[in-house]
Amino acid sequence: MTRYRTRSAPVDAIRYRPGPGGNCAEVAAFIDDDVEHDDRACTPEQPLEVFTVAGWASALPGDWITRERDGLGLYGDERFHELFEEAS
Protein backbone atom coordinates (compact mmCIF):
# COMPACT_ATOMS: atom_id res chain seq x y z
CA MET A 1 0.00 0.00 0.00
CA THR A 2 1.23 3.46 -0.89
CA ARG A 3 0.04 6.81 0.39
CA TYR A 4 -1.49 9.12 -2.25
CA ARG A 5 -3.24 12.47 -1.99
CA THR A 6 -5.68 14.67 -3.82
CA ARG A 7 -5.18 18.37 -3.67
CA SER A 8 -7.33 18.46 -0.55
CA ALA A 9 -6.76 15.27 1.42
CA PRO A 10 -4.48 12.22 1.62
CA VAL A 11 -5.92 8.77 0.92
CA ASP A 12 -4.58 5.24 1.17
CA ALA A 13 -4.70 3.35 -2.13
CA ILE A 14 -4.00 -0.11 -3.48
CA ARG A 15 -4.01 -1.38 -7.07
CA TYR A 16 -5.97 -4.59 -7.68
CA ARG A 17 -3.76 -7.28 -9.25
CA PRO A 18 -5.52 -10.68 -9.26
CA GLY A 19 -4.10 -14.00 -10.35
CA PRO A 20 -0.95 -15.95 -9.52
CA GLY A 21 1.55 -13.69 -7.79
CA GLY A 22 -1.12 -11.04 -7.36
CA ASN A 23 -2.25 -9.19 -4.26
CA CYS A 24 -5.72 -10.57 -3.49
CA ALA A 25 -5.01 -11.19 0.21
CA GLU A 26 -3.54 -7.70 0.59
CA VAL A 27 -6.57 -6.14 -1.15
CA ALA A 28 -8.94 -8.16 1.06
CA ALA A 29 -7.17 -6.86 4.16
CA PHE A 30 -7.24 -3.30 2.79
CA ILE A 31 -11.01 -3.38 2.25
CA ASP A 32 -11.57 -5.12 5.61
CA ASP A 33 -13.03 -8.20 3.95
CA ASP A 34 -13.30 -10.99 6.52
CA VAL A 35 -13.58 -13.70 3.86
CA GLU A 36 -10.55 -15.91 3.35
CA HIS A 37 -9.31 -15.59 -0.21
CA ASP A 38 -7.96 -18.47 -2.26
CA ASP A 39 -5.43 -17.12 -4.78
CA ARG A 40 -6.53 -19.83 -7.24
CA ALA A 41 -10.08 -18.35 -7.17
CA CYS A 42 -8.76 -14.81 -7.54
CA THR A 43 -8.48 -14.55 -11.30
CA PRO A 44 -8.50 -11.67 -13.79
CA GLU A 45 -11.71 -13.13 -15.27
CA GLN A 46 -13.62 -12.64 -11.99
CA PRO A 47 -14.18 -8.99 -10.94
CA LEU A 48 -13.89 -8.13 -7.27
CA GLU A 49 -17.12 -6.68 -5.87
CA VAL A 50 -16.36 -3.70 -3.60
CA PHE A 51 -18.83 -1.65 -1.58
CA THR A 52 -17.86 1.96 -2.28
CA VAL A 53 -19.31 5.30 -1.21
CA ALA A 54 -21.35 5.15 -4.44
CA GLY A 55 -22.63 1.58 -3.81
CA TRP A 56 -21.45 -1.79 -5.12
CA ALA A 57 -18.87 -1.66 -7.90
CA SER A 58 -16.76 -4.21 -9.79
CA ALA A 59 -12.99 -3.82 -9.54
CA LEU A 60 -11.17 -5.03 -12.62
CA PRO A 61 -7.47 -5.85 -12.88
CA GLY A 62 -5.45 -2.63 -12.66
CA ASP A 63 -8.17 -0.62 -10.90
CA TRP A 64 -7.32 1.38 -7.80
CA ILE A 65 -9.22 1.06 -4.52
CA THR A 66 -8.91 4.03 -2.19
CA ARG A 67 -9.79 4.50 1.45
CA GLU A 68 -11.25 7.97 1.70
CA ARG A 69 -12.84 9.94 4.50
CA ASP A 70 -16.36 8.65 3.74
CA GLY A 71 -15.47 5.08 2.71
CA LEU A 72 -13.93 3.21 -0.21
CA GLY A 73 -13.54 4.60 -3.72
CA LEU A 74 -12.85 2.74 -6.97
CA TYR A 75 -11.04 4.26 -9.95
CA GLY A 76 -9.69 3.07 -13.27
CA ASP A 77 -5.96 3.62 -13.68
CA GLU A 78 -6.20 6.70 -15.91
CA ARG A 79 -8.79 8.45 -13.74
CA PHE A 80 -6.85 7.61 -10.57
CA HIS A 81 -3.72 9.32 -11.91
CA GLU A 82 -5.76 12.35 -13.00
CA LEU A 83 -7.06 12.82 -9.44
CA PHE A 84 -4.24 11.66 -7.19
CA GLU A 85 -0.50 12.10 -6.84
CA GLU A 86 1.85 10.14 -4.64
CA ALA A 87 2.26 11.78 -1.24
CA SER A 88 5.78 12.44 -0.06
C-alpha atoms as a PDB file:
ATOM      1  CA  MET A   1       0.000   0.000   0.000  1.00  0.00           C
ATOM      2  CA  THR A   2       1.232   3.462  -0.889  1.00  0.00           C
ATOM      3  CA  ARG A   3       0.037   6.812   0.391  1.00  0.00           C
ATOM      4  CA  TYR A   4      -1.493   9.124  -2.247  1.00  0.00           C
ATOM      5  CA  ARG A   5      -3.238  12.469  -1.988  1.00  0.00           C
ATOM      6  CA  THR A   6      -5.675  14.673  -3.821  1.00  0.00           C
ATOM      7  CA  ARG A   7      -5.176  18.370  -3.667  1.00  0.00           C
ATOM      8  CA  SER A   8      -7.335  18.461  -0.547  1.00  0.00           C
ATOM      9  CA  ALA A   9      -6.761  15.265   1.423  1.00  0.00           C
ATOM     10  CA  PRO A  10      -4.478  12.223   1.624  1.00  0.00           C
ATOM     11  CA  VAL A  11      -5.920   8.765   0.917  1.00  0.00           C
ATOM     12  CA  ASP A  12      -4.580   5.235   1.173  1.00  0.00           C
ATOM     13  CA  ALA A  13      -4.703   3.347  -2.127  1.00  0.00           C
ATOM     14  CA  ILE A  14      -4.000  -0.112  -3.482  1.00  0.00           C
ATOM     15  CA  ARG A  15      -4.006  -1.382  -7.073  1.00  0.00           C
ATOM     16  CA  TYR A  16      -5.966  -4.587  -7.678  1.00  0.00           C
ATOM     17  CA  ARG A  17      -3.760  -7.284  -9.247  1.00  0.00           C
ATOM     18  CA  PRO A  18      -5.523 -10.676  -9.257  1.00  0.00           C
ATOM     19  CA  GLY A  19      -4.103 -13.997 -10.350  1.00  0.00           C
ATOM     20  CA  PRO A  20      -0.953 -15.946  -9.520  1.00  0.00           C
ATOM     21  CA  GLY A  21       1.551 -13.693  -7.793  1.00  0.00           C
ATOM     22  CA  GLY A  22      -1.120 -11.036  -7.359  1.00  0.00           C
ATOM     23  CA  ASN A  23      -2.247  -9.191  -4.263  1.00  0.00           C
ATOM     24  CA  CYS A  24      -5.717 -10.567  -3.488  1.00  0.00           C
ATOM     25  CA  ALA A  25      -5.011 -11.189   0.206  1.00  0.00           C
ATOM     26  CA  GLU A  26      -3.537  -7.697   0.591  1.00  0.00           C
ATOM     27  CA  VAL A  27      -6.570  -6.142  -1.149  1.00  0.00           C
ATOM     28  CA  ALA A  28      -8.937  -8.156   1.057  1.00  0.00           C
ATOM     29  CA  ALA A  29      -7.168  -6.856   4.161  1.00  0.00           C
ATOM     30  CA  PHE A  30      -7.243  -3.300   2.787  1.00  0.00           C
ATOM     31  CA  ILE A  31     -11.012  -3.378   2.250  1.00  0.00           C
ATOM     32  CA  ASP A  32     -11.566  -5.118   5.614  1.00  0.00           C
ATOM     33  CA  ASP A  33     -13.027  -8.197   3.948  1.00  0.00           C
ATOM     34  CA  ASP A  34     -13.305 -10.986   6.520  1.00  0.00           C
ATOM     35  CA  VAL A  35     -13.585 -13.695   3.863  1.00  0.00           C
ATOM     36  CA  GLU A  36     -10.551 -15.911   3.352  1.00  0.00           C
ATOM     37  CA  HIS A  37      -9.312 -15.593  -0.207  1.00  0.00           C
ATOM     38  CA  ASP A  38      -7.962 -18.467  -2.260  1.00  0.00           C
ATOM     39  CA  ASP A  39      -5.433 -17.123  -4.779  1.00  0.00           C
ATOM     40  CA  ARG A  40      -6.534 -19.834  -7.235  1.00  0.00           C
ATOM     41  CA  ALA A  41     -10.079 -18.349  -7.170  1.00  0.00           C
ATOM     42  CA  CYS A  42      -8.761 -14.809  -7.537  1.00  0.00           C
ATOM     43  CA  THR A  43      -8.481 -14.550 -11.299  1.00  0.00           C
ATOM     44  CA  PRO A  44      -8.505 -11.670 -13.790  1.00  0.00           C
ATOM     45  CA  GLU A  45     -11.713 -13.127 -15.272  1.00  0.00           C
ATOM     46  CA  GLN A  46     -13.622 -12.638 -11.995  1.00  0.00           C
ATOM     47  CA  PRO A  47     -14.180  -8.995 -10.945  1.00  0.00           C
ATOM     48  CA  LEU A  48     -13.892  -8.131  -7.272  1.00  0.00           C
ATOM     49  CA  GLU A  49     -17.120  -6.676  -5.867  1.00  0.00           C
ATOM     50  CA  VAL A  50     -16.360  -3.705  -3.603  1.00  0.00           C
ATOM     51  CA  PHE A  51     -18.830  -1.645  -1.584  1.00  0.00           C
ATOM     52  CA  THR A  52     -17.858   1.962  -2.280  1.00  0.00           C
ATOM     53  CA  VAL A  53     -19.314   5.303  -1.211  1.00  0.00           C
ATOM     54  CA  ALA A  54     -21.353   5.154  -4.437  1.00  0.00           C
ATOM     55  CA  GLY A  55     -22.630   1.578  -3.806  1.00  0.00           C
ATOM     56  CA  TRP A  56     -21.454  -1.786  -5.122  1.00  0.00           C
ATOM     57  CA  ALA A  57     -18.867  -1.656  -7.904  1.00  0.00           C
ATOM     58  CA  SER A  58     -16.764  -4.208  -9.795  1.00  0.00           C
ATOM     59  CA  ALA A  59     -12.989  -3.821  -9.541  1.00  0.00           C
ATOM     60  CA  LEU A  60     -11.173  -5.030 -12.619  1.00  0.00           C
ATOM     61  CA  PRO A  61      -7.470  -5.845 -12.881  1.00  0.00           C
ATOM     62  CA  GLY A  62      -5.451  -2.632 -12.661  1.00  0.00           C
ATOM     63  CA  ASP A  63      -8.173  -0.622 -10.903  1.00  0.00           C
ATOM     64  CA  TRP A  64      -7.320   1.380  -7.802  1.00  0.00           C
ATOM     65  CA  ILE A  65      -9.218   1.063  -4.521  1.00  0.00           C
ATOM     66  CA  THR A  66      -8.908   4.033  -2.195  1.00  0.00           C
ATOM     67  CA  ARG A  67      -9.791   4.497   1.452  1.00  0.00           C
ATOM     68  CA  GLU A  68     -11.250   7.973   1.697  1.00  0.00           C
ATOM     69  CA  ARG A  69     -12.839   9.945   4.500  1.00  0.00           C
ATOM     70  CA  ASP A  70     -16.364   8.650   3.735  1.00  0.00           C
ATOM     71  CA  GLY A  71     -15.466   5.082   2.714  1.00  0.00           C
ATOM     72  CA  LEU A  72     -13.934   3.210  -0.206  1.00  0.00           C
ATOM     73  CA  GLY A  73     -13.545   4.596  -3.716  1.00  0.00           C
ATOM     74  CA  LEU A  74     -12.853   2.743  -6.968  1.00  0.00           C
ATOM     75  CA  TYR A  75     -11.038   4.261  -9.950  1.00  0.00           C
ATOM     76  CA  GLY A  76      -9.691   3.074 -13.271  1.00  0.00           C
ATOM     77  CA  ASP A  77      -5.956   3.623 -13.678  1.00  0.00           C
ATOM     78  CA  GLU A  78      -6.201   6.705 -15.906  1.00  0.00           C
ATOM     79  CA  ARG A  79      -8.794   8.453 -13.735  1.00  0.00           C
ATOM     80  CA  PHE A  80      -6.846   7.607 -10.574  1.00  0.00           C
ATOM     81  CA  HIS A  81      -3.723   9.317 -11.912  1.00  0.00           C
ATOM     82  CA  GLU A  82      -5.756  12.348 -12.996  1.00  0.00           C
ATOM     83  CA  LEU A  83      -7.063  12.824  -9.439  1.00  0.00           C
ATOM     84  CA  PHE A  84      -4.236  11.657  -7.191  1.00  0.00           C
ATOM     85  CA  GLU A  85      -0.504  12.103  -6.842  1.00  0.00           C
ATOM     86  CA  GLU A  86       1.853  10.140  -4.636  1.00  0.00           C
ATOM     87  CA  ALA A  87       2.261  11.776  -1.245  1.00  0.00           C
ATOM     88  CA  SER A  88       5.779  12.444  -0.058  1.00  0.00           C
END
